C-alpha atoms as a PDB file:
ATOM      1  CA  UNK A   1       4.802  18.112  17.904  1.00  0.00           C
ATOM      2  CA  UNK A   2       2.720  19.490  15.933  1.00  0.00           C
ATOM      3  CA  UNK A   3       2.643  19.018  11.351  1.00  0.00           C
ATOM      4  CA  UNK A   4      -0.040  18.456   9.362  1.00  0.00           C
ATOM      5  CA  UNK A   5       0.705  19.989   5.989  1.00  0.00           C
ATOM      6  CA  UNK A   6       3.787  20.080   3.596  1.00  0.00           C
ATOM      7  CA  UNK A   7       4.240  23.249   3.523  1.00  0.00           C
ATOM      8  CA  UNK A   8       3.970  25.292   6.212  1.00  0.00           C
ATOM      9  CA  UNK A   9       7.187  26.952   7.577  1.00  0.00           C
ATOM     10  CA  UNK A  10       9.133  23.990   9.226  1.00  0.00           C
ATOM     11  CA  UNK A  11      10.790  23.743  12.904  1.00  0.00           C
ATOM     12  CA  UNK A  12      11.858  20.765  13.786  1.00  0.00           C
ATOM     13  CA  UNK A  13      12.366  17.783  11.882  1.00  0.00           C
ATOM     14  CA  UNK A  14      14.323  14.460  11.692  1.00  0.00           C
ATOM     15  CA  UNK A  15      16.812  13.944   9.286  1.00  0.00           C
ATOM     16  CA  UNK A  16      18.199  10.696   8.008  1.00  0.00           C
ATOM     17  CA  UNK A  17      21.754   9.114   8.023  1.00  0.00           C
ATOM     18  CA  UNK A  18      23.125   6.285   6.198  1.00  0.00           C
ATOM     19  CA  UNK A  19      25.093   4.515   8.264  1.00  0.00           C
ATOM     20  CA  UNK A  20      24.407   0.400   8.153  1.00  0.00           C
ATOM     21  CA  UNK A  21      22.613   0.453   4.949  1.00  0.00           C
ATOM     22  CA  UNK A  22      21.512  -2.544   3.627  1.00  0.00           C
ATOM     23  CA  UNK A  23      19.544  -4.499   0.572  1.00  0.00           C
ATOM     24  CA  UNK A  24      18.154  -7.576   2.951  1.00  0.00           C
ATOM     25  CA  UNK A  25      18.258 -11.340   1.544  1.00  0.00           C
ATOM     26  CA  UNK A  26      15.602 -11.858  -0.848  1.00  0.00           C
ATOM     27  CA  UNK A  27      11.995 -12.406   1.110  1.00  0.00           C
ATOM     28  CA  UNK A  28       8.885 -13.220  -0.293  1.00  0.00           C
ATOM     29  CA  UNK A  29       7.763  -9.250   0.474  1.00  0.00           C
ATOM     30  CA  UNK A  30      11.052  -7.782  -0.634  1.00  0.00           C
ATOM     31  CA  UNK A  31      10.792  -9.829  -4.330  1.00  0.00           C
ATOM     32  CA  UNK A  32       6.924  -9.055  -4.387  1.00  0.00           C
ATOM     33  CA  UNK A  33       7.200  -5.056  -3.670  1.00  0.00           C
ATOM     34  CA  UNK A  34      10.717  -4.096  -4.731  1.00  0.00           C
ATOM     35  CA  UNK A  35      11.713  -6.485  -7.246  1.00  0.00           C
ATOM     36  CA  UNK A  36       8.318  -7.609  -8.767  1.00  0.00           C
ATOM     37  CA  UNK A  37       9.766  -6.154 -12.396  1.00  0.00           C
ATOM     38  CA  UNK A  38      13.460  -8.083 -11.948  1.00  0.00           C
ATOM     39  CA  UNK A  39      12.979 -11.808 -13.740  1.00  0.00           C
ATOM     40  CA  UNK A  40      15.765 -13.195 -12.302  1.00  0.00           C
ATOM     41  CA  UNK A  41      16.170 -12.593  -8.989  1.00  0.00           C
ATOM     42  CA  UNK A  42      19.445 -14.181  -8.279  1.00  0.00           C
ATOM     43  CA  UNK A  43      20.331 -10.886 -10.156  1.00  0.00           C
ATOM     44  CA  UNK A  44      19.073  -8.895  -7.563  1.00  0.00           C
ATOM     45  CA  UNK A  45      22.043  -7.052  -4.721  1.00  0.00           C
ATOM     46  CA  UNK A  46      21.791  -8.101  -1.438  1.00  0.00           C
ATOM     47  CA  UNK A  47      23.821  -7.092   1.879  1.00  0.00           C
ATOM     48  CA  UNK A  48      25.750  -3.756   2.816  1.00  0.00           C
ATOM     49  CA  UNK A  49      25.914  -0.663   0.542  1.00  0.00           C
ATOM     50  CA  UNK A  50      29.319  -0.198  -0.907  1.00  0.00           C
ATOM     51  CA  UNK A  51      31.335   2.320   2.117  1.00  0.00           C
ATOM     52  CA  UNK A  52      31.306   4.918  -0.698  1.00  0.00           C
ATOM     53  CA  UNK A  53      27.828   5.293  -1.354  1.00  0.00           C
ATOM     54  CA  UNK A  54      27.297   5.189   2.811  1.00  0.00           C
ATOM     55  CA  UNK A  55      30.413   7.926   2.920  1.00  0.00           C
ATOM     56  CA  UNK A  56      28.947   9.918   0.374  1.00  0.00           C
ATOM     57  CA  UNK A  57      25.120  10.376   1.008  1.00  0.00           C
ATOM     58  CA  UNK A  58      26.267  10.819   4.466  1.00  0.00           C
ATOM     59  CA  UNK A  59      28.136  13.646   3.359  1.00  0.00           C
ATOM     60  CA  UNK A  60      25.154  15.209   1.639  1.00  0.00           C
ATOM     61  CA  UNK A  61      22.882  14.699   4.813  1.00  0.00           C
ATOM     62  CA  UNK A  62      25.633  16.687   6.711  1.00  0.00           C
ATOM     63  CA  UNK A  63      25.443  19.445   4.062  1.00  0.00           C
ATOM     64  CA  UNK A  64      21.453  19.448   4.340  1.00  0.00           C
ATOM     65  CA  UNK A  65      21.639  19.612   8.041  1.00  0.00           C
ATOM     66  CA  UNK A  66      24.054  22.140   8.229  1.00  0.00           C
ATOM     67  CA  UNK A  67      21.509  24.161   5.719  1.00  0.00           C
ATOM     68  CA  UNK A  68      18.837  23.304   8.344  1.00  0.00           C
ATOM     69  CA  UNK A  69      20.065  24.378  11.491  1.00  0.00           C
ATOM     70  CA  UNK A  70      21.010  27.823   9.326  1.00  0.00           C
ATOM     71  CA  UNK A  71      17.466  28.283   8.335  1.00  0.00           C
ATOM     72  CA  UNK A  72      17.008  28.125  12.316  1.00  0.00           C
ATOM     73  CA  UNK A  73      15.327  24.602  11.938  1.00  0.00           C
ATOM     74  CA  UNK A  74      16.127  22.010  15.078  1.00  0.00           C
ATOM     75  CA  UNK A  75      17.582  18.669  13.590  1.00  0.00           C
ATOM     76  CA  UNK A  76      16.986  15.653  15.153  1.00  0.00           C
ATOM     77  CA  UNK A  77      18.615  12.370  13.971  1.00  0.00           C
ATOM     78  CA  UNK A  78      17.630   8.206  14.197  1.00  0.00           C
ATOM     79  CA  UNK A  79      19.916   6.298  16.273  1.00  0.00           C
ATOM     80  CA  UNK A  80      22.975   5.029  14.691  1.00  0.00           C
ATOM     81  CA  UNK A  81      21.818   0.893  15.002  1.00  0.00           C
ATOM     82  CA  UNK A  82      22.382  -2.611  12.733  1.00  0.00           C
ATOM     83  CA  UNK A  83      19.173  -2.585  10.916  1.00  0.00           C
ATOM     84  CA  UNK A  84      17.246  -4.803   8.384  1.00  0.00           C
ATOM     85  CA  UNK A  85      17.432  -1.814   5.755  1.00  0.00           C
ATOM     86  CA  UNK A  86      18.463   1.553   6.474  1.00  0.00           C
ATOM     87  CA  UNK A  87      17.741   4.721   8.767  1.00  0.00           C
ATOM     88  CA  UNK A  88      17.665   7.005   5.637  1.00  0.00           C
ATOM     89  CA  UNK A  89      14.752   7.499   5.285  1.00  0.00           C
ATOM     90  CA  UNK A  90      12.134   8.076   7.777  1.00  0.00           C
ATOM     91  CA  UNK A  91       9.180   9.467   6.012  1.00  0.00           C
ATOM     92  CA  UNK A  92       8.896   5.928   4.827  1.00  0.00           C
ATOM     93  CA  UNK A  93       8.209   4.914   7.709  1.00  0.00           C
ATOM     94  CA  UNK A  94       5.944   7.352  10.731  1.00  0.00           C
ATOM     95  CA  UNK A  95       3.669   9.815   9.485  1.00  0.00           C
ATOM     96  CA  UNK A  96       3.140  13.057  11.935  1.00  0.00           C
ATOM     97  CA  UNK A  97      -0.560  14.021  11.975  1.00  0.00           C
ATOM     98  CA  UNK A  98      -1.126  17.056  13.620  1.00  0.00           C
ATOM     99  CA  UNK A  99      -0.410  15.938  17.330  1.00  0.00           C
ATOM    100  CA  UNK A 100       0.001  12.038  16.398  1.00  0.00           C
ATOM    101  CA  UNK A 101       3.065  10.393  15.439  1.00  0.00           C
ATOM    102  CA  UNK A 102       1.760   6.863  13.193  1.00  0.00           C
ATOM    103  CA  UNK A 103       4.567   4.134  12.904  1.00  0.00           C
ATOM    104  CA  UNK A 104       2.743   2.728   9.988  1.00  0.00           C
ATOM    105  CA  UNK A 105       2.056  -1.057   8.952  1.00  0.00           C
ATOM    106  CA  UNK A 106       4.851  -1.295   6.191  1.00  0.00           C
ATOM    107  CA  UNK A 107       4.648  -4.451   3.864  1.00  0.00           C
ATOM    108  CA  UNK A 108       8.346  -4.422   4.265  1.00  0.00           C
ATOM    109  CA  UNK A 109       9.162  -7.338   6.603  1.00  0.00           C
ATOM    110  CA  UNK A 110      12.610  -5.899   7.053  1.00  0.00           C
ATOM    111  CA  UNK A 111      11.721  -2.399   7.909  1.00  0.00           C
ATOM    112  CA  UNK A 112       9.014  -3.580  10.508  1.00  0.00           C
ATOM    113  CA  UNK A 113      10.283  -1.235  13.565  1.00  0.00           C
ATOM    114  CA  UNK A 114      12.374   1.052  12.048  1.00  0.00           C
ATOM    115  CA  UNK A 115      11.124   3.896  13.117  1.00  0.00           C
ATOM    116  CA  UNK A 116      12.232   2.377  16.637  1.00  0.00           C
ATOM    117  CA  UNK A 117      15.395   4.056  15.563  1.00  0.00           C
ATOM    118  CA  UNK A 118      14.002   7.356  16.540  1.00  0.00           C
ATOM    119  CA  UNK A 119      10.990   6.816  18.411  1.00  0.00           C
ATOM    120  CA  UNK A 120      12.519   9.115  21.131  1.00  0.00           C
ATOM    121  CA  UNK A 121      11.931  11.968  19.421  1.00  0.00           C
ATOM    122  CA  UNK A 122       8.057  11.361  18.452  1.00  0.00           C
ATOM    123  CA  UNK A 123       5.513  11.920  20.729  1.00  0.00           C
ATOM    124  CA  UNK A 124       1.911  10.372  20.940  1.00  0.00           C
ATOM    125  CA  UNK A 125       3.306   7.763  19.001  1.00  0.00           C
ATOM    126  CA  UNK A 126       0.543   5.083  17.047  1.00  0.00           C
ATOM    127  CA  UNK A 127       2.482   2.157  16.445  1.00  0.00           C
ATOM    128  CA  UNK A 128       0.885  -0.652  13.993  1.00  0.00           C
ATOM    129  CA  UNK A 129       4.070  -3.244  13.417  1.00  0.00           C
ATOM    130  CA  UNK A 130       2.938  -6.395  13.027  1.00  0.00           C
ATOM    131  CA  UNK A 131       4.193  -9.825  11.303  1.00  0.00           C
ATOM    132  CA  UNK A 132       3.097  -9.890   7.712  1.00  0.00           C
ATOM    133  CA  UNK A 133       1.592 -12.970   6.691  1.00  0.00           C
ATOM    134  CA  UNK A 134       2.624 -14.746   3.327  1.00  0.00           C
ATOM    135  CA  UNK A 135      -0.591 -13.911   2.078  1.00  0.00           C
ATOM    136  CA  UNK A 136      -0.382 -10.322   2.183  1.00  0.00           C
ATOM    137  CA  UNK A 137       1.887 -10.329  -1.157  1.00  0.00           C
ATOM    138  CA  UNK A 138      -0.189 -10.798  -4.801  1.00  0.00           C
ATOM    139  CA  UNK A 139       2.300 -13.271  -6.863  1.00  0.00           C
ATOM    140  CA  UNK A 140       0.546 -12.411  -9.690  1.00  0.00           C
ATOM    141  CA  UNK A 141       2.532  -9.256  -9.694  1.00  0.00           C
ATOM    142  CA  UNK A 142       5.652 -10.479 -10.660  1.00  0.00           C
ATOM    143  CA  UNK A 143       6.506  -9.244 -14.144  1.00  0.00           C
ATOM    144  CA  UNK A 144       3.570  -7.390 -14.059  1.00  0.00           C
ATOM    145  CA  UNK A 145       3.579  -3.790 -12.989  1.00  0.00           C
ATOM    146  CA  UNK A 146       0.122  -3.339 -13.494  1.00  0.00           C
ATOM    147  CA  UNK A 147      -0.587  -6.125 -10.858  1.00  0.00           C
ATOM    148  CA  UNK A 148      -0.365  -4.935  -7.741  1.00  0.00           C
ATOM    149  CA  UNK A 149       2.662  -6.411  -5.157  1.00  0.00           C
ATOM    150  CA  UNK A 150      -0.952  -6.074  -2.226  1.00  0.00           C
ATOM    151  CA  UNK A 151      -3.425  -8.609  -1.450  1.00  0.00           C
ATOM    152  CA  UNK A 152      -6.250  -6.703   0.731  1.00  0.00           C
ATOM    153  CA  UNK A 153      -5.530  -9.632   3.249  1.00  0.00           C
ATOM    154  CA  UNK A 154      -4.415  -6.706   5.612  1.00  0.00           C
ATOM    155  CA  UNK A 155      -3.567  -3.663   6.217  1.00  0.00           C
ATOM    156  CA  UNK A 156      -0.601  -2.763   4.620  1.00  0.00           C
ATOM    157  CA  UNK A 157       1.367   0.838   3.751  1.00  0.00           C
ATOM    158  CA  UNK A 158       4.681   3.336   3.986  1.00  0.00           C
ATOM    159  CA  UNK A 159       3.677   6.988   5.647  1.00  0.00           C
ATOM    160  CA  UNK A 160       5.315   7.504   2.334  1.00  0.00           C
ATOM    161  CA  UNK A 161       2.151   6.478   0.443  1.00  0.00           C
ATOM    162  CA  UNK A 162       0.259   9.967   2.164  1.00  0.00           C
ATOM    163  CA  UNK A 163       0.968  13.510   1.742  1.00  0.00           C
ATOM    164  CA  UNK A 164      -1.572  16.479   4.044  1.00  0.00           C
ATOM    165  CA  UNK A 165      -2.796  19.134   3.533  1.00  0.00           C
ATOM    166  CA  UNK A 166      -4.735  20.009   6.555  1.00  0.00           C
ATOM    167  CA  UNK A 167      -7.942  18.535   6.473  1.00  0.00           C
ATOM    168  CA  UNK A 168      -7.508  16.220   3.825  1.00  0.00           C
ATOM    169  CA  UNK A 169      -4.819  13.461   3.756  1.00  0.00           C
ATOM    170  CA  UNK A 170      -3.693  11.957  -0.065  1.00  0.00           C
ATOM    171  CA  UNK A 171      -2.959   8.660   0.263  1.00  0.00           C
ATOM    172  CA  UNK A 172      -1.643   6.525  -2.962  1.00  0.00           C
ATOM    173  CA  UNK A 173      -2.541   2.968  -3.809  1.00  0.00           C
ATOM    174  CA  UNK A 174       0.652   1.074  -5.111  1.00  0.00           C
ATOM    175  CA  UNK A 175       3.013  -1.938  -4.080  1.00  0.00           C
ATOM    176  CA  UNK A 176       3.557  -0.212  -0.733  1.00  0.00           C
ATOM    177  CA  UNK A 177      -0.149   0.701   0.365  1.00  0.00           C
ATOM    178  CA  UNK A 178      -3.272  -1.398  -0.393  1.00  0.00           C
ATOM    179  CA  UNK A 179      -6.743  -0.155   0.471  1.00  0.00           C
ATOM    180  CA  UNK A 180      -6.791  -1.438   3.715  1.00  0.00           C
ATOM    181  CA  UNK A 181      -4.364   0.700   4.095  1.00  0.00           C
ATOM    182  CA  UNK A 182      -6.292   3.551   3.634  1.00  0.00           C
ATOM    183  CA  UNK A 183      -9.092   2.398   5.856  1.00  0.00           C
ATOM    184  CA  UNK A 184      -6.681   1.935   8.968  1.00  0.00           C
ATOM    185  CA  UNK A 185      -5.264   5.814   8.339  1.00  0.00           C
ATOM    186  CA  UNK A 186      -8.929   7.278   8.041  1.00  0.00           C
ATOM    187  CA  UNK A 187      -9.879   5.158  11.888  1.00  0.00           C
ATOM    188  CA  UNK A 188      -6.678   6.983  13.263  1.00  0.00           C
ATOM    189  CA  UNK A 189      -6.805  10.884  11.582  1.00  0.00           C
ATOM    190  CA  UNK A 190      -9.802  13.178  11.601  1.00  0.00           C
ATOM    191  CA  UNK A 191      -8.646  14.524   8.177  1.00  0.00           C
ATOM    192  CA  UNK A 192     -10.039  13.210   5.197  1.00  0.00           C
ATOM    193  CA  UNK A 193      -8.688  10.456   4.128  1.00  0.00           C
ATOM    194  CA  UNK A 194      -8.358  10.441  -0.408  1.00  0.00           C
ATOM    195  CA  UNK A 195      -7.624   7.725  -2.300  1.00  0.00           C
ATOM    196  CA  UNK A 196      -6.109   7.857  -5.800  1.00  0.00           C
ATOM    197  CA  UNK A 197      -5.127   4.987  -7.426  1.00  0.00           C
ATOM    198  CA  UNK A 198      -4.550   3.468 -10.816  1.00  0.00           C
ATOM    199  CA  UNK A 199      -1.578   5.764 -11.153  1.00  0.00           C
ATOM    200  CA  UNK A 200       1.740   4.175 -10.139  1.00  0.00           C
ATOM    201  CA  UNK A 201       2.429   1.023  -8.864  1.00  0.00           C
ATOM    202  CA  UNK A 202       5.912   1.509  -7.703  1.00  0.00           C
ATOM    203  CA  UNK A 203       5.664   2.936  -5.049  1.00  0.00           C
ATOM    204  CA  UNK A 204       5.369   6.487  -2.871  1.00  0.00           C
ATOM    205  CA  UNK A 205       3.351   9.449  -3.521  1.00  0.00           C
ATOM    206  CA  UNK A 206       6.507  11.725  -3.027  1.00  0.00           C
ATOM    207  CA  UNK A 207       7.469  11.575  -6.191  1.00  0.00           C
ATOM    208  CA  UNK A 208       4.780  11.557  -8.174  1.00  0.00           C
ATOM    209  CA  UNK A 209       3.029  14.685  -6.300  1.00  0.00           C
ATOM    210  CA  UNK A 210       4.631  17.713  -3.914  1.00  0.00           C
ATOM    211  CA  UNK A 211       2.281  19.981  -2.257  1.00  0.00           C
ATOM    212  CA  UNK A 212       3.839  23.434  -2.245  1.00  0.00           C
ATOM    213  CA  UNK A 213       1.321  26.127  -0.864  1.00  0.00           C
ATOM    214  CA  UNK A 214      -2.731  25.205  -0.561  1.00  0.00           C
ATOM    215  CA  UNK A 215      -4.215  25.096  -3.668  1.00  0.00           C
ATOM    216  CA  UNK A 216      -0.633  24.974  -5.699  1.00  0.00           C
ATOM    217  CA  UNK A 217       1.412  21.483  -6.023  1.00  0.00           C
ATOM    218  CA  UNK A 218       3.500  20.185  -8.453  1.00  0.00           C
ATOM    219  CA  UNK A 219       2.927  16.669 -10.338  1.00  0.00           C
ATOM    220  CA  UNK A 220       4.785  14.407 -12.466  1.00  0.00           C
ATOM    221  CA  UNK A 221       3.477  14.318 -15.896  1.00  0.00           C
ATOM    222  CA  UNK A 222       4.053  11.246 -16.372  1.00  0.00           C
ATOM    223  CA  UNK A 223       1.885   9.929 -14.265  1.00  0.00           C
ATOM    224  CA  UNK A 224      -0.134  12.359 -14.055  1.00  0.00           C
ATOM    225  CA  UNK A 225      -2.012  12.723 -17.096  1.00  0.00           C
ATOM    226  CA  UNK A 226      -4.624  15.046 -16.195  1.00  0.00           C
ATOM    227  CA  UNK A 227      -6.249  16.700 -12.790  1.00  0.00           C
ATOM    228  CA  UNK A 228      -9.485  14.577 -13.100  1.00  0.00           C
ATOM    229  CA  UNK A 229      -7.175  11.435 -12.189  1.00  0.00           C
ATOM    230  CA  UNK A 230      -7.069  12.978  -8.093  1.00  0.00           C
ATOM    231  CA  UNK A 231      -9.876  13.141  -5.770  1.00  0.00           C
ATOM    232  CA  UNK A 232     -11.018  15.931  -4.389  1.00  0.00           C
ATOM    233  CA  UNK A 233     -10.657  18.992  -3.027  1.00  0.00           C
ATOM    234  CA  UNK A 234      -6.903  18.313  -5.539  1.00  0.00           C
ATOM    235  CA  UNK A 235      -8.357  18.179  -8.854  1.00  0.00           C
ATOM    236  CA  UNK A 236      -9.518  21.644  -8.618  1.00  0.00           C
ATOM    237  CA  UNK A 237      -5.658  22.960  -7.073  1.00  0.00           C
ATOM    238  CA  UNK A 238      -3.474  25.152  -9.326  1.00  0.00           C
ATOM    239  CA  UNK A 239      -0.614  23.150 -10.434  1.00  0.00           C
ATOM    240  CA  UNK A 240       2.669  22.653 -12.358  1.00  0.00           C
ATOM    241  CA  UNK A 241       3.782  19.767 -14.681  1.00  0.00           C
ATOM    242  CA  UNK A 242       7.143  18.871 -13.760  1.00  0.00           C
ATOM    243  CA  UNK A 243      10.183  19.327 -16.231  1.00  0.00           C
ATOM    244  CA  UNK A 244      11.855  16.065 -17.933  1.00  0.00           C
ATOM    245  CA  UNK A 245      14.686  15.685 -14.734  1.00  0.00           C
ATOM    246  CA  UNK A 246      18.415  15.679 -15.040  1.00  0.00           C
ATOM    247  CA  UNK A 247      18.933  12.647 -14.431  1.00  0.00           C
ATOM    248  CA  UNK A 248      22.128  12.153 -11.946  1.00  0.00           C
ATOM    249  CA  UNK A 249      22.711   8.096 -12.063  1.00  0.00           C
ATOM    250  CA  UNK A 250      23.141   5.739  -9.802  1.00  0.00           C
ATOM    251  CA  UNK A 251      25.739   3.180  -8.134  1.00  0.00           C
ATOM    252  CA  UNK A 252      25.354  -0.028 -10.087  1.00  0.00           C
ATOM    253  CA  UNK A 253      23.679  -2.276  -8.837  1.00  0.00           C
ATOM    254  CA  UNK A 254      21.179  -0.829  -7.108  1.00  0.00           C
ATOM    255  CA  UNK A 255      18.700   1.477  -8.125  1.00  0.00           C
ATOM    256  CA  UNK A 256      15.780   2.320  -5.987  1.00  0.00           C
ATOM    257  CA  UNK A 257      13.833   5.264  -8.004  1.00  0.00           C
ATOM    258  CA  UNK A 258      13.949   6.109 -10.882  1.00  0.00           C
ATOM    259  CA  UNK A 259      14.812   9.696 -11.885  1.00  0.00           C
ATOM    260  CA  UNK A 260      11.636  11.406 -10.915  1.00  0.00           C
ATOM    261  CA  UNK A 261      12.691  11.101  -7.631  1.00  0.00           C
ATOM    262  CA  UNK A 262      14.135  14.722  -8.729  1.00  0.00           C
ATOM    263  CA  UNK A 263      10.543  15.596  -7.145  1.00  0.00           C
ATOM    264  CA  UNK A 264      11.262  14.779  -3.918  1.00  0.00           C
ATOM    265  CA  UNK A 265      11.675  17.624  -2.133  1.00  0.00           C
ATOM    266  CA  UNK A 266      11.179  19.236   0.996  1.00  0.00           C
ATOM    267  CA  UNK A 267       9.663  22.808   1.892  1.00  0.00           C
ATOM    268  CA  UNK A 268      11.470  25.219   4.432  1.00  0.00           C
ATOM    269  CA  UNK A 269       8.353  27.385   3.615  1.00  0.00           C
ATOM    270  CA  UNK A 270       6.090  28.185   1.410  1.00  0.00           C
ATOM    271  CA  UNK A 271       8.755  30.346  -0.185  1.00  0.00           C
ATOM    272  CA  UNK A 272      11.526  28.218  -0.327  1.00  0.00           C
ATOM    273  CA  UNK A 273      12.142  24.535  -1.044  1.00  0.00           C
ATOM    274  CA  UNK A 274      15.389  22.267  -1.158  1.00  0.00           C
ATOM    275  CA  UNK A 275      16.087  21.116  -4.436  1.00  0.00           C
ATOM    276  CA  UNK A 276      18.747  17.974  -5.266  1.00  0.00           C
ATOM    277  CA  UNK A 277      21.379  20.683  -7.400  1.00  0.00           C
ATOM    278  CA  UNK A 278      21.241  19.295 -11.007  1.00  0.00           C
ATOM    279  CA  UNK A 279      17.456  19.863 -11.039  1.00  0.00           C
ATOM    280  CA  UNK A 280      17.511  23.152 -12.773  1.00  0.00           C
ATOM    281  CA  UNK A 281      14.952  23.333 -15.046  1.00  0.00           C
ATOM    282  CA  UNK A 282      12.725  22.318 -12.145  1.00  0.00           C
ATOM    283  CA  UNK A 283      14.336  25.103 -10.103  1.00  0.00           C
ATOM    284  CA  UNK A 284      13.163  27.681 -13.109  1.00  0.00           C
ATOM    285  CA  UNK A 285       9.748  26.596 -12.984  1.00  0.00           C
ATOM    286  CA  UNK A 286       9.351  27.062  -9.493  1.00  0.00           C
ATOM    287  CA  UNK A 287      10.707  30.136  -9.542  1.00  0.00           C
ATOM    288  CA  UNK A 288       8.062  31.736 -11.359  1.00  0.00           C
ATOM    289  CA  UNK A 289       5.983  30.873  -8.838  1.00  0.00           C
ATOM    290  CA  UNK A 290       7.708  32.532  -5.728  1.00  0.00           C
ATOM    291  CA  UNK A 291       9.288  29.133  -4.790  1.00  0.00           C
ATOM    292  CA  UNK A 292      12.960  29.705  -3.906  1.00  0.00           C
ATOM    293  CA  UNK A 293      15.267  26.804  -4.351  1.00  0.00           C
ATOM    294  CA  UNK A 294      17.719  25.790  -1.883  1.00  0.00           C
ATOM    295  CA  UNK A 295      20.406  23.825  -4.737  1.00  0.00           C
ATOM    296  CA  UNK A 296      21.537  20.777  -2.372  1.00  0.00           C
ATOM    297  CA  UNK A 297      23.613  17.677  -3.492  1.00  0.00           C
ATOM    298  CA  UNK A 298      21.892  14.299  -2.942  1.00  0.00           C
ATOM    299  CA  UNK A 299      24.252  11.796  -4.899  1.00  0.00           C
ATOM    300  CA  UNK A 300      23.255   8.725  -3.892  1.00  0.00           C
ATOM    301  CA  UNK A 301      18.726   9.958  -4.207  1.00  0.00           C
ATOM    302  CA  UNK A 302      18.326   7.133  -6.531  1.00  0.00           C
ATOM    303  CA  UNK A 303      21.011   4.487  -5.188  1.00  0.00           C
ATOM    304  CA  UNK A 304      19.225   4.524  -1.970  1.00  0.00           C
ATOM    305  CA  UNK A 305      15.898   5.481  -3.006  1.00  0.00           C
ATOM    306  CA  UNK A 306      15.471   8.304  -1.593  1.00  0.00           C
ATOM    307  CA  UNK A 307      16.149  12.591  -1.827  1.00  0.00           C
ATOM    308  CA  UNK A 308      15.055  15.246   0.840  1.00  0.00           C
ATOM    309  CA  UNK A 309      11.357  14.988   1.520  1.00  0.00           C
ATOM    310  CA  UNK A 310      11.910  10.854   1.816  1.00  0.00           C
ATOM    311  CA  UNK A 311      15.180  11.781   3.837  1.00  0.00           C
ATOM    312  CA  UNK A 312      13.202  13.283   6.187  1.00  0.00           C
ATOM    313  CA  UNK A 313       9.870  13.527   8.985  1.00  0.00           C
ATOM    314  CA  UNK A 314       8.811  17.198   9.869  1.00  0.00           C
ATOM    315  CA  UNK A 315       7.699  16.963  13.397  1.00  0.00           C
ATOM    316  CA  UNK A 316       6.731  20.572  14.249  1.00  0.00           C
ATOM    317  CA  UNK A 317       5.483  23.088  11.345  1.00  0.00           C
ATOM    318  CA  UNK A 318       3.246  26.217  12.079  1.00  0.00           C
END
């Protein structure tokens, strides 16, 4: 197991599944992190997702797996378990950096120990799953997207708050990651953790920035207005401003991401990425940089909150 950036040739990967996916019953963590902008919490759905969502999501994931295997990528899957949330987005719970797998201290209580569904595929595992106290959650965030959901009471972050670029890691402070989490990550890895904040509260980094190759990134222009907002060395990288996404819609009332999940691409290597099949404007922008795009379906990316980067964890990249 070894992977330290987002663009090297992919050799082995975990791909999630949608079996038993559910919205957990509302608690302090879910209310503050996922639904801080919802006025009436009685409108928040709970329970298992509709079977059509689960079935269609799994169909699209199988299409994705078939593509990866044709590209000579070894694919492994999480166990099918009775989960509190889901095993659709393994990227959220584990970072692989060099030869370490880090199960991050996720702030959502329902996702504690989520990594255990695929820990048998992980080597040199460092688990940081802890029980969350109410003091971690900032009640002032309710109804105010400019106030973050987490205090600095204890380290907390999702793995998807982080992108890797060899000796540097970009870390987003948001509703799903605090500054204490960045400090914890720095104590574990030998790369330099570079913090970006004041960009976007809800919630992960990979619908805001995508690393395409060393020195080239894709940026979300609704959140990154100027590269000077990014820390060294990323403020000096070349970049593509992503075109407006093609909105693929979602299954009412389940909306777990914005249409900008269109940016949530997976690199097979520096010259080939996987994109949601409707994102033709983005395909054209990437092809101008010599990057070929495999256009595959992911009908419930917005419904379930993740596209091709989110539903994977790369275990081996060159």
